[in-house]
C-alpha atoms as a PDB file:
ATOM      1  CA  MET A   1       0.876 -21.604   9.258  1.00  0.00           C
ATOM      2  CA  ARG A   2      -0.291 -20.095  12.502  1.00  0.00           C
ATOM      3  CA  LEU A   3      -2.240 -16.846  12.500  1.00  0.00           C
ATOM      4  CA  THR A   4      -1.578 -14.260  15.182  1.00  0.00           C
ATOM      5  CA  ARG A   5      -3.926 -13.384  18.019  1.00  0.00           C
ATOM      6  CA  GLN A   6      -4.393 -10.014  16.308  1.00  0.00           C
ATOM      7  CA  THR A   7      -5.763 -11.688  13.179  1.00  0.00           C
ATOM      8  CA  ASN A   8      -8.025 -13.925  15.237  1.00  0.00           C
ATOM      9  CA  TYR A   9      -9.578 -10.975  17.058  1.00  0.00           C
ATOM     10  CA  ALA A  10      -9.738  -8.838  13.919  1.00  0.00           C
ATOM     11  CA  MET A  11     -11.981 -11.516  12.409  1.00  0.00           C
ATOM     12  CA  ARG A  12     -13.999 -11.639  15.621  1.00  0.00           C
ATOM     13  CA  ILE A  13     -14.503  -7.849  15.578  1.00  0.00           C
ATOM     14  CA  LEU A  14     -15.731  -8.036  11.990  1.00  0.00           C
ATOM     15  CA  MET A  15     -18.013 -10.963  12.810  1.00  0.00           C
ATOM     16  CA  TYR A  16     -19.482  -9.037  15.746  1.00  0.00           C
ATOM     17  CA  CYS A  17     -20.134  -6.003  13.556  1.00  0.00           C
ATOM     18  CA  ALA A  18     -21.698  -8.209  10.870  1.00  0.00           C
ATOM     19  CA  ALA A  19     -23.963  -9.885  13.433  1.00  0.00           C
ATOM     20  CA  ASN A  20     -24.901  -6.426  14.725  1.00  0.00           C
ATOM     21  CA  GLU A  21     -25.681  -5.177  11.205  1.00  0.00           C
ATOM     22  CA  GLY A  22     -27.488  -1.872  10.907  1.00  0.00           C
ATOM     23  CA  ARG A  23     -26.244  -0.584  14.262  1.00  0.00           C
ATOM     24  CA  LEU A  24     -23.000   0.707  15.665  1.00  0.00           C
ATOM     25  CA  SER A  25     -20.997  -1.709  17.788  1.00  0.00           C
ATOM     26  CA  ARG A  26     -19.250  -0.316  20.828  1.00  0.00           C
ATOM     27  CA  VAL A  27     -15.762  -1.518  21.690  1.00  0.00           C
ATOM     28  CA  PRO A  28     -16.680  -2.218  25.354  1.00  0.00           C
ATOM     29  CA  GLU A  29     -19.505  -4.496  24.167  1.00  0.00           C
ATOM     30  CA  ILE A  30     -17.213  -6.344  21.756  1.00  0.00           C
ATOM     31  CA  ALA A  31     -14.535  -6.676  24.440  1.00  0.00           C
ATOM     32  CA  ALA A  32     -17.081  -8.063  26.899  1.00  0.00           C
ATOM     33  CA  ALA A  33     -18.435 -10.540  24.355  1.00  0.00           C
ATOM     34  CA  TYR A  34     -14.962 -11.980  23.758  1.00  0.00           C
ATOM     35  CA  THR A  35     -13.572 -11.334  27.267  1.00  0.00           C
ATOM     36  CA  VAL A  36     -10.587  -9.392  25.969  1.00  0.00           C
ATOM     37  CA  SER A  37      -9.285  -5.933  26.873  1.00  0.00           C
ATOM     38  CA  GLU A  38     -10.657  -2.860  25.163  1.00  0.00           C
ATOM     39  CA  LEU A  39      -7.120  -1.545  24.667  1.00  0.00           C
ATOM     40  CA  PHE A  40      -6.195  -4.676  22.712  1.00  0.00           C
ATOM     41  CA  LEU A  41      -9.247  -4.238  20.461  1.00  0.00           C
ATOM     42  CA  PHE A  42      -8.443  -0.561  19.866  1.00  0.00           C
ATOM     43  CA  LYS A  43      -4.973  -1.572  18.650  1.00  0.00           C
ATOM     44  CA  ILE A  44      -6.515  -4.087  16.256  1.00  0.00           C
ATOM     45  CA  LEU A  45      -9.091  -1.607  14.961  1.00  0.00           C
ATOM     46  CA  GLN A  46      -6.487   0.815  13.623  1.00  0.00           C
ATOM     47  CA  PRO A  47      -5.268  -1.343  10.711  1.00  0.00           C
ATOM     48  CA  LEU A  48      -8.861  -2.396   9.973  1.00  0.00           C
ATOM     49  CA  VAL A  49      -9.881   1.264   9.689  1.00  0.00           C
ATOM     50  CA  GLU A  50      -6.838   2.098   7.548  1.00  0.00           C
ATOM     51  CA  ALA A  51      -7.718  -0.787   5.216  1.00  0.00           C
ATOM     52  CA  LYS A  52     -11.324   0.493   5.012  1.00  0.00           C
ATOM     53  CA  LEU A  53     -12.765  -2.734   6.400  1.00  0.00           C
ATOM     54  CA  VAL A  54     -14.241  -0.905   9.411  1.00  0.00           C
ATOM     55  CA  GLU A  55     -15.283   2.669   9.979  1.00  0.00           C
ATOM     56  CA  THR A  56     -15.569   4.494  13.265  1.00  0.00           C
ATOM     57  CA  VAL A  57     -18.142   7.009  14.396  1.00  0.00           C
ATOM     58  CA  ARG A  58     -16.952   9.326  17.140  1.00  0.00           C
ATOM     59  CA  GLY A  59     -18.981  10.835  19.924  1.00  0.00           C
ATOM     60  CA  ARG A  60     -21.140   9.825  22.819  1.00  0.00           C
ATOM     61  CA  ASN A  61     -23.211   7.399  20.755  1.00  0.00           C
ATOM     62  CA  GLY A  62     -20.292   6.408  18.541  1.00  0.00           C
ATOM     63  CA  GLY A  63     -18.922   3.018  17.726  1.00  0.00           C
ATOM     64  CA  VAL A  64     -17.678   0.922  14.852  1.00  0.00           C
ATOM     65  CA  ARG A  65     -19.330  -0.730  11.888  1.00  0.00           C
ATOM     66  CA  LEU A  66     -18.293  -2.527   8.751  1.00  0.00           C
ATOM     67  CA  ALA A  67     -17.143  -0.145   6.029  1.00  0.00           C
ATOM     68  CA  LYS A  68     -18.605  -2.417   3.351  1.00  0.00           C
ATOM     69  CA  PRO A  69     -21.007  -5.362   3.288  1.00  0.00           C
ATOM     70  CA  ALA A  70     -19.818  -8.459   5.157  1.00  0.00           C
ATOM     71  CA  ASP A  71     -20.053 -10.553   1.993  1.00  0.00           C
ATOM     72  CA  GLN A  72     -17.450  -8.270   0.398  1.00  0.00           C
ATOM     73  CA  ILE A  73     -14.849  -8.771   3.129  1.00  0.00           C
ATOM     74  CA  SER A  74     -12.901 -11.979   2.594  1.00  0.00           C
ATOM     75  CA  LEU A  75     -10.866 -13.719   5.244  1.00  0.00           C
ATOM     76  CA  PHE A  76      -7.849 -13.100   3.005  1.00  0.00           C
ATOM     77  CA  ASP A  77      -8.553  -9.342   3.209  1.00  0.00           C
ATOM     78  CA  VAL A  78      -8.288  -9.560   6.978  1.00  0.00           C
ATOM     79  CA  VAL A  79      -5.186 -11.751   7.031  1.00  0.00           C
ATOM     80  CA  ARG A  80      -3.410  -9.515   4.532  1.00  0.00           C
ATOM     81  CA  VAL A  81      -4.040  -6.485   6.777  1.00  0.00           C
ATOM     82  CA  THR A  82      -3.206  -8.040  10.141  1.00  0.00           C
ATOM     83  CA  GLU A  83      -0.329 -10.429   9.518  1.00  0.00           C
ATOM     84  CA  GLU A  84       3.169  -8.997   9.306  1.00  0.00           C
ATOM     85  CA  SER A  85       4.953 -11.895   7.655  1.00  0.00           C
ATOM     86  CA  PHE A  86       4.041 -14.888   5.586  1.00  0.00           C
ATOM     87  CA  ALA A  87       7.483 -16.456   5.749  1.00  0.00           C
ATOM     88  CA  MET A  88       6.923 -20.146   6.317  1.00  0.00           C
ATOM     89  CA  ALA A  89      10.634 -20.939   6.324  1.00  0.00           C
ATOM     90  CA  GLU A  90      13.907 -19.121   6.482  1.00  0.00           C
ATOM     91  CA  CYS A  91      14.267 -19.273   2.709  1.00  0.00           C
ATOM     92  CA  PHE A  92      11.242 -16.990   2.320  1.00  0.00           C
ATOM     93  CA  GLU A  93      13.241 -14.216   3.948  1.00  0.00           C
ATOM     94  CA  THR A  94      15.362 -11.884   1.820  1.00  0.00           C
ATOM     95  CA  ASP A  95      18.585 -12.792   3.612  1.00  0.00           C
ATOM     96  CA  ALA A  96      18.429 -16.501   2.786  1.00  0.00           C
ATOM     97  CA  ALA A  97      21.839 -16.420   1.129  1.00  0.00           C
ATOM     98  CA  GLU A  98      23.219 -18.556   3.973  1.00  0.00           C
ATOM     99  CA  CYS A  99      21.592 -21.634   2.469  1.00  0.00           C
ATOM    100  CA  PRO A 100      23.598 -23.215  -0.349  1.00  0.00           C
ATOM    101  CA  LEU A 101      20.374 -24.447  -1.969  1.00  0.00           C
ATOM    102  CA  VAL A 102      18.603 -21.089  -2.072  1.00  0.00           C
ATOM    103  CA  ASP A 103      18.567 -20.923  -5.891  1.00  0.00           C
ATOM    104  CA  SER A 104      17.742 -24.557  -6.601  1.00  0.00           C
ATOM    105  CA  CYS A 105      15.699 -25.878  -3.678  1.00  0.00           C
ATOM    106  CA  GLY A 106      12.287 -27.408  -4.225  1.00  0.00           C
ATOM    107  CA  LEU A 107      11.246 -26.647  -0.656  1.00  0.00           C
ATOM    108  CA  ASN A 108      10.842 -22.948  -1.355  1.00  0.00           C
ATOM    109  CA  SER A 109       8.531 -23.516  -4.327  1.00  0.00           C
ATOM    110  CA  ALA A 110       6.525 -26.193  -2.479  1.00  0.00           C
ATOM    111  CA  LEU A 111       6.007 -23.886   0.503  1.00  0.00           C
ATOM    112  CA  ARG A 112       5.094 -20.981  -1.759  1.00  0.00           C
ATOM    113  CA  GLU A 113       2.514 -23.192  -3.515  1.00  0.00           C
ATOM    114  CA  ALA A 114       1.079 -24.248  -0.144  1.00  0.00           C
ATOM    115  CA  LEU A 115       0.906 -20.628   1.004  1.00  0.00           C
ATOM    116  CA  ASN A 116      -0.882 -19.605  -2.200  1.00  0.00           C
ATOM    117  CA  ALA A 117      -3.389 -22.442  -1.718  1.00  0.00           C
ATOM    118  CA  PHE A 118      -3.979 -21.199   1.841  1.00  0.00           C
ATOM    119  CA  PHE A 119      -4.638 -17.675   0.522  1.00  0.00           C
ATOM    120  CA  GLU A 120      -6.989 -19.001  -2.177  1.00  0.00           C
ATOM    121  CA  VAL A 121      -9.121 -20.799   0.415  1.00  0.00           C
ATOM    122  CA  LEU A 122      -9.250 -17.705   2.643  1.00  0.00           C
ATOM    123  CA  ALA A 123     -10.312 -15.615  -0.360  1.00  0.00           C
ATOM    124  CA  ARG A 124     -13.317 -17.925  -0.926  1.00  0.00           C
ATOM    125  CA  TYR A 125     -14.828 -17.199   2.495  1.00  0.00           C
ATOM    126  CA  SER A 126     -16.307 -13.923   3.671  1.00  0.00           C
ATOM    127  CA  ILE A 127     -17.176 -12.538   7.075  1.00  0.00           C
ATOM    128  CA  ALA A 128     -20.827 -13.046   6.063  1.00  0.00           C
ATOM    129  CA  ASP A 129     -20.108 -16.767   5.561  1.00  0.00           C
ATOM    130  CA  LEU A 130     -18.778 -17.053   9.106  1.00  0.00           C
ATOM    131  CA  VAL A 131     -21.798 -15.290  10.573  1.00  0.00           C
ATOM    132  CA  ALA A 132     -24.260 -17.304   8.476  1.00  0.00           C
ATOM    133  CA  ALA A 133     -22.641 -20.535   9.681  1.00  0.00           C
ATOM    134  CA  ARG A 134     -23.863 -19.748  13.208  1.00  0.00           C
ATOM    135  CA  PRO A 135     -27.488 -18.592  13.088  1.00  0.00           C
ATOM    136  CA  ASN A 136     -27.456 -18.072  16.858  1.00  0.00           C
ATOM    137  CA  MET A 137     -24.357 -15.850  16.797  1.00  0.00           C
ATOM    138  CA  ARG A 138     -26.239 -12.833  18.164  1.00  0.00           C
ATOM    139  CA  ASP A 139     -27.261 -14.813  21.222  1.00  0.00           C
ATOM    140  CA  LEU A 140     -23.772 -16.245  21.684  1.00  0.00           C
ATOM    141  CA  LEU A 141     -22.280 -12.740  21.582  1.00  0.00           C
ATOM    142  CA  GLY A 142     -24.964 -11.193  23.791  1.00  0.00           C
ATOM    143  CA  ILE A 143     -26.210  -8.853  21.061  1.00  0.00           C
ATOM    144  CA  GLU A 144     -29.723  -7.687  21.821  1.00  0.00           C
ATOM    145  CA  LEU A 145     -32.196  -7.013  19.057  1.00  0.00           C
ATOM    146  CA  PRO A 146     -33.452  -3.400  18.883  1.00  0.00           C
ATOM    147  CA  GLU A 147     -36.959  -4.534  19.867  1.00  0.00           C
ATOM    148  CA  THR A 148     -35.573  -6.230  22.979  1.00  0.00           C
ATOM    149  CA  ARG A 149     -33.704  -3.069  23.983  1.00  0.00           C
ATOM    150  CA  ALA A 150     -36.882  -0.996  23.613  1.00  0.00           C
ATOM    151  CA  LEU A 151     -38.903  -3.413  25.764  1.00  0.00           C
ATOM    152  CA  VAL A 152     -36.262  -3.559  28.477  1.00  0.00           C
ATOM    153  CA  GLY A 153     -35.587   0.217  28.583  1.00  0.00           C
END
């Protein structure tokens, strides 16, 4: 199974917000960190907000932040929100009647079992796990600590 670019960047947005915990993250900063367009990130944010994984704060000093703790957002939560289809083969589609084996094929059940195993693994990992796996994530993303900002400004 191949995840979409939208899912990839949705996870990256959440990881950025988790690494920037306690502060609002601005879309231009996230876009710069990942060298992707702000417009693309805004499109990805909408389903994340609707699913209550991220919340937005409007205004001059606004931004985005996680709507719940990073350890409570599983990778499966993100995939479920951002992926449109989990059809691994034609027989997963509702109009699979063209196949003469549709009612008795072992392929469909094997693929469904594989897909469920994939979902189970994603459910075991949280956004917090991804951030914890890279202790230097803040540096890699160019996130300054509040103390650093105060000294520079």
